[in-house]
Amino acid sequence: MPRRMAWQISPGATLNYFRDDSLRVSYVSVMTGLGQEFADQLVPMVQAEMDVYDDAGLVREMDDAGTGKERAQAVIKAGLGAPRDVDEQYYSRFLAAAEDEVSIIREAAVHAIFYTKWPEFTDVLTDIAASDPEKAIRKFAGRVLTAFGGTGS
């Protein structure tokens, strides 16, 4: 099965399917060089044709997840599906995940934060990069912080 497929859904716009085996998640995105307003018009059409998560479903999955692996997976999915602008229901859950005692949940939070690209998480990433108990998570948070324009590693 391909890891990425793309279909032209309108002149200048594509629907892209991605599969990330390392995170065990697949997702779709609409990409266009014709501006955000045009993309915003296409998203409801895609949602009408595909069975995708909405905000309520993503948030509910984070809240209802049982094991550490299930919660980590739910946090990653929510990061991929989070809105473009900061949203408190996501922000508070990602922050809680970043502070969780289970390392795979903290790592999932860094993934989710990376996907959102919300600058409001800069201080959180700085703290994780400086003080997470796991060296790998500190390094990952530093790389994400650098991608955010901060001073990570």
C-alpha atoms as a PDB file:
ATOM      1  CA  MET A   1       0.000   0.000   0.000  1.00  0.00           C
ATOM      2  CA  PRO A   2       1.419   3.418  -0.920  1.00  0.00           C
ATOM      3  CA  ARG A   3       2.499   5.789   1.825  1.00  0.00           C
ATOM      4  CA  ARG A   4       1.247   8.812  -0.110  1.00  0.00           C
ATOM      5  CA  MET A   5      -1.322   9.223  -2.839  1.00  0.00           C
ATOM      6  CA  ALA A   6      -2.729  12.387  -4.361  1.00  0.00           C
ATOM      7  CA  TRP A   7      -5.808  13.123  -6.426  1.00  0.00           C
ATOM      8  CA  GLN A   8      -6.622  16.343  -8.215  1.00  0.00           C
ATOM      9  CA  ILE A   9     -10.028  17.380  -6.899  1.00  0.00           C
ATOM     10  CA  SER A  10     -10.183  20.702  -8.684  1.00  0.00           C
ATOM     11  CA  PRO A  11      -7.789  22.685 -10.857  1.00  0.00           C
ATOM     12  CA  GLY A  12      -4.979  23.716  -8.528  1.00  0.00           C
ATOM     13  CA  ALA A  13      -6.080  21.561  -5.579  1.00  0.00           C
ATOM     14  CA  THR A  14      -5.260  18.029  -4.467  1.00  0.00           C
ATOM     15  CA  LEU A  15      -6.570  15.582  -1.909  1.00  0.00           C
ATOM     16  CA  ASN A  16      -3.588  13.828  -0.332  1.00  0.00           C
ATOM     17  CA  TYR A  17      -3.578  10.550   1.553  1.00  0.00           C
ATOM     18  CA  PHE A  18      -0.664   9.864   3.900  1.00  0.00           C
ATOM     19  CA  ARG A  19       0.175   6.734   5.866  1.00  0.00           C
ATOM     20  CA  ASP A  20       2.732   6.941   8.655  1.00  0.00           C
ATOM     21  CA  ASP A  21       3.668   3.406   9.687  1.00  0.00           C
ATOM     22  CA  SER A  22       5.887   4.547  12.543  1.00  0.00           C
ATOM     23  CA  LEU A  23       2.957   6.362  14.203  1.00  0.00           C
ATOM     24  CA  ARG A  24       0.345   3.847  12.984  1.00  0.00           C
ATOM     25  CA  VAL A  25      -1.889   6.577  11.600  1.00  0.00           C
ATOM     26  CA  SER A  26      -3.289   7.544   8.210  1.00  0.00           C
ATOM     27  CA  TYR A  27      -4.743  10.905   7.311  1.00  0.00           C
ATOM     28  CA  VAL A  28      -5.873  13.084   4.425  1.00  0.00           C
ATOM     29  CA  SER A  29      -5.300  16.727   3.653  1.00  0.00           C
ATOM     30  CA  VAL A  30      -6.456  19.220   1.072  1.00  0.00           C
ATOM     31  CA  MET A  31      -3.631  21.232  -0.471  1.00  0.00           C
ATOM     32  CA  THR A  32      -3.889  24.145  -2.846  1.00  0.00           C
ATOM     33  CA  GLY A  33      -1.841  27.075  -3.975  1.00  0.00           C
ATOM     34  CA  LEU A  34      -5.020  29.057  -4.529  1.00  0.00           C
ATOM     35  CA  GLY A  35      -5.338  30.379  -0.997  1.00  0.00           C
ATOM     36  CA  GLN A  36      -6.870  29.392   2.309  1.00  0.00           C
ATOM     37  CA  GLU A  37     -10.356  30.575   1.420  1.00  0.00           C
ATOM     38  CA  PHE A  38     -10.432  28.218  -1.573  1.00  0.00           C
ATOM     39  CA  ALA A  39      -9.156  25.307   0.539  1.00  0.00           C
ATOM     40  CA  ASP A  40     -11.787  26.072   3.190  1.00  0.00           C
ATOM     41  CA  GLN A  41     -14.479  25.669   0.511  1.00  0.00           C
ATOM     42  CA  LEU A  42     -13.135  22.246  -0.496  1.00  0.00           C
ATOM     43  CA  VAL A  43     -12.866  20.713   2.973  1.00  0.00           C
ATOM     44  CA  PRO A  44     -16.656  20.341   3.533  1.00  0.00           C
ATOM     45  CA  MET A  45     -16.946  18.557   0.180  1.00  0.00           C
ATOM     46  CA  VAL A  46     -14.233  16.096   1.188  1.00  0.00           C
ATOM     47  CA  GLN A  47     -15.839  15.588   4.604  1.00  0.00           C
ATOM     48  CA  ALA A  48     -19.171  14.809   2.919  1.00  0.00           C
ATOM     49  CA  GLU A  49     -17.566  12.048   0.853  1.00  0.00           C
ATOM     50  CA  MET A  50     -15.260  10.511   3.466  1.00  0.00           C
ATOM     51  CA  ASP A  51     -15.728   9.157   6.958  1.00  0.00           C
ATOM     52  CA  VAL A  52     -13.453  11.468   8.952  1.00  0.00           C
ATOM     53  CA  TYR A  53     -13.217  12.509  12.584  1.00  0.00           C
ATOM     54  CA  ASP A  54     -14.776  15.762  13.696  1.00  0.00           C
ATOM     55  CA  ASP A  55     -13.634  17.832  16.692  1.00  0.00           C
ATOM     56  CA  ALA A  56     -16.064  16.142  19.059  1.00  0.00           C
ATOM     57  CA  GLY A  57     -14.869  12.687  18.019  1.00  0.00           C
ATOM     58  CA  LEU A  58     -11.190  13.546  18.360  1.00  0.00           C
ATOM     59  CA  VAL A  59     -11.665  15.112  21.779  1.00  0.00           C
ATOM     60  CA  ARG A  60     -13.863  12.234  22.953  1.00  0.00           C
ATOM     61  CA  GLU A  61     -11.255   9.704  21.814  1.00  0.00           C
ATOM     62  CA  MET A  62      -8.565  11.494  23.851  1.00  0.00           C
ATOM     63  CA  ASP A  63     -10.841  11.551  26.901  1.00  0.00           C
ATOM     64  CA  ASP A  64     -11.982   7.930  26.581  1.00  0.00           C
ATOM     65  CA  ALA A  65      -8.668   6.274  25.720  1.00  0.00           C
ATOM     66  CA  GLY A  66      -7.734   3.590  28.232  1.00  0.00           C
ATOM     67  CA  THR A  67      -4.144   2.426  27.976  1.00  0.00           C
ATOM     68  CA  GLY A  68      -1.062   4.528  27.438  1.00  0.00           C
ATOM     69  CA  LYS A  69      -0.796   3.341  23.823  1.00  0.00           C
ATOM     70  CA  GLU A  70      -4.453   4.121  23.142  1.00  0.00           C
ATOM     71  CA  ARG A  71      -4.131   7.583  24.649  1.00  0.00           C
ATOM     72  CA  ALA A  72      -0.907   8.288  22.747  1.00  0.00           C
ATOM     73  CA  GLN A  73      -2.601   7.266  19.490  1.00  0.00           C
ATOM     74  CA  ALA A  74      -5.619   9.453  20.280  1.00  0.00           C
ATOM     75  CA  VAL A  75      -3.380  12.459  21.031  1.00  0.00           C
ATOM     76  CA  ILE A  76      -1.507  12.023  17.736  1.00  0.00           C
ATOM     77  CA  LYS A  77      -4.774  11.761  15.775  1.00  0.00           C
ATOM     78  CA  ALA A  78      -6.076  14.873  17.516  1.00  0.00           C
ATOM     79  CA  GLY A  79      -2.880  16.731  16.639  1.00  0.00           C
ATOM     80  CA  LEU A  80      -3.409  15.881  12.985  1.00  0.00           C
ATOM     81  CA  GLY A  81      -7.063  16.896  13.110  1.00  0.00           C
ATOM     82  CA  ALA A  82      -6.795  19.968  15.306  1.00  0.00           C
ATOM     83  CA  PRO A  83      -8.010  23.281  13.894  1.00  0.00           C
ATOM     84  CA  ARG A  84      -5.564  25.783  12.385  1.00  0.00           C
ATOM     85  CA  ASP A  85      -6.123  28.264  15.195  1.00  0.00           C
ATOM     86  CA  VAL A  86      -5.532  27.460  18.856  1.00  0.00           C
ATOM     87  CA  ASP A  87      -8.524  25.786  20.480  1.00  0.00           C
ATOM     88  CA  GLU A  88      -8.814  25.403  24.252  1.00  0.00           C
ATOM     89  CA  GLN A  89     -10.283  21.909  24.210  1.00  0.00           C
ATOM     90  CA  TYR A  90      -7.266  20.635  22.262  1.00  0.00           C
ATOM     91  CA  TYR A  91      -4.720  22.884  23.970  1.00  0.00           C
ATOM     92  CA  SER A  92      -5.621  21.718  27.477  1.00  0.00           C
ATOM     93  CA  ARG A  93      -5.527  18.048  26.492  1.00  0.00           C
ATOM     94  CA  PHE A  94      -2.195  18.345  24.680  1.00  0.00           C
ATOM     95  CA  LEU A  95      -0.776  20.171  27.693  1.00  0.00           C
ATOM     96  CA  ALA A  96      -2.008  17.403  30.014  1.00  0.00           C
ATOM     97  CA  ALA A  97      -0.476  14.802  27.697  1.00  0.00           C
ATOM     98  CA  ALA A  98       2.846  16.699  27.706  1.00  0.00           C
ATOM     99  CA  GLU A  99       2.846  16.461  31.516  1.00  0.00           C
ATOM    100  CA  ASP A 100       1.749  12.806  31.729  1.00  0.00           C
ATOM    101  CA  GLU A 101       3.885  10.349  33.689  1.00  0.00           C
ATOM    102  CA  VAL A 102       3.826   7.867  30.754  1.00  0.00           C
ATOM    103  CA  SER A 103       6.608   8.627  28.274  1.00  0.00           C
ATOM    104  CA  ILE A 104       4.764   7.492  25.121  1.00  0.00           C
ATOM    105  CA  ILE A 105       1.973   9.938  25.941  1.00  0.00           C
ATOM    106  CA  ARG A 106       4.461  12.797  26.428  1.00  0.00           C
ATOM    107  CA  GLU A 107       6.106  11.897  23.116  1.00  0.00           C
ATOM    108  CA  ALA A 108       2.677  11.811  21.431  1.00  0.00           C
ATOM    109  CA  ALA A 109       2.014  15.290  22.825  1.00  0.00           C
ATOM    110  CA  VAL A 110       5.163  16.592  21.119  1.00  0.00           C
ATOM    111  CA  HIS A 111       3.954  15.042  17.837  1.00  0.00           C
ATOM    112  CA  ALA A 112       0.537  16.661  18.280  1.00  0.00           C
ATOM    113  CA  ILE A 113       2.085  20.028  19.099  1.00  0.00           C
ATOM    114  CA  PHE A 114       4.253  19.778  15.980  1.00  0.00           C
ATOM    115  CA  TYR A 115       1.206  19.095  13.809  1.00  0.00           C
ATOM    116  CA  THR A 116      -0.725  22.064  15.201  1.00  0.00           C
ATOM    117  CA  LYS A 117       2.117  24.543  14.721  1.00  0.00           C
ATOM    118  CA  TRP A 118       0.458  26.725  17.370  1.00  0.00           C
ATOM    119  CA  PRO A 119       3.014  29.248  18.673  1.00  0.00           C
ATOM    120  CA  GLU A 120       1.212  29.138  22.026  1.00  0.00           C
ATOM    121  CA  PHE A 121       3.096  25.887  22.658  1.00  0.00           C
ATOM    122  CA  THR A 122       6.582  27.436  22.421  1.00  0.00           C
ATOM    123  CA  ASP A 123       7.028  27.654  26.204  1.00  0.00           C
ATOM    124  CA  VAL A 124       5.732  24.100  26.644  1.00  0.00           C
ATOM    125  CA  LEU A 125       8.247  22.807  24.103  1.00  0.00           C
ATOM    126  CA  THR A 126      11.005  24.782  25.825  1.00  0.00           C
ATOM    127  CA  ASP A 127      10.142  23.131  29.142  1.00  0.00           C
ATOM    128  CA  ILE A 128       9.994  19.647  27.615  1.00  0.00           C
ATOM    129  CA  ALA A 129      13.296  20.161  25.785  1.00  0.00           C
ATOM    130  CA  ALA A 130      14.937  21.258  29.036  1.00  0.00           C
ATOM    131  CA  SER A 131      13.466  18.909  31.595  1.00  0.00           C
ATOM    132  CA  ASP A 132      11.668  15.822  30.263  1.00  0.00           C
ATOM    133  CA  PRO A 133      12.971  12.707  32.064  1.00  0.00           C
ATOM    134  CA  GLU A 134      13.570  10.957  28.705  1.00  0.00           C
ATOM    135  CA  LYS A 135      16.531  12.141  26.641  1.00  0.00           C
ATOM    136  CA  ALA A 136      14.860  11.143  23.345  1.00  0.00           C
ATOM    137  CA  ILE A 137      11.775  13.226  24.160  1.00  0.00           C
ATOM    138  CA  ARG A 138      13.942  16.209  25.170  1.00  0.00           C
ATOM    139  CA  LYS A 139      15.775  16.000  21.825  1.00  0.00           C
ATOM    140  CA  PHE A 140      12.528  15.593  19.862  1.00  0.00           C
ATOM    141  CA  ALA A 141      10.973  18.593  21.621  1.00  0.00           C
ATOM    142  CA  GLY A 142      14.127  20.587  20.830  1.00  0.00           C
ATOM    143  CA  ARG A 143      13.822  19.745  17.130  1.00  0.00           C
ATOM    144  CA  VAL A 144      10.148  20.732  17.140  1.00  0.00           C
ATOM    145  CA  LEU A 145      11.019  23.950  18.957  1.00  0.00           C
ATOM    146  CA  THR A 146      13.582  24.716  16.245  1.00  0.00           C
ATOM    147  CA  ALA A 147      10.911  24.098  13.600  1.00  0.00           C
ATOM    148  CA  PHE A 148       8.718  26.587  15.483  1.00  0.00           C
ATOM    149  CA  GLY A 149      11.494  29.160  15.173  1.00  0.00           C
ATOM    150  CA  GLY A 150      12.697  28.763  18.749  1.00  0.00           C
ATOM    151  CA  THR A 151      16.115  27.803  20.026  1.00  0.00           C
ATOM    152  CA  GLY A 152      15.876  24.031  20.292  1.00  0.00           C
ATOM    153  CA  SER A 153      18.493  21.472  19.349  1.00  0.00           C
END
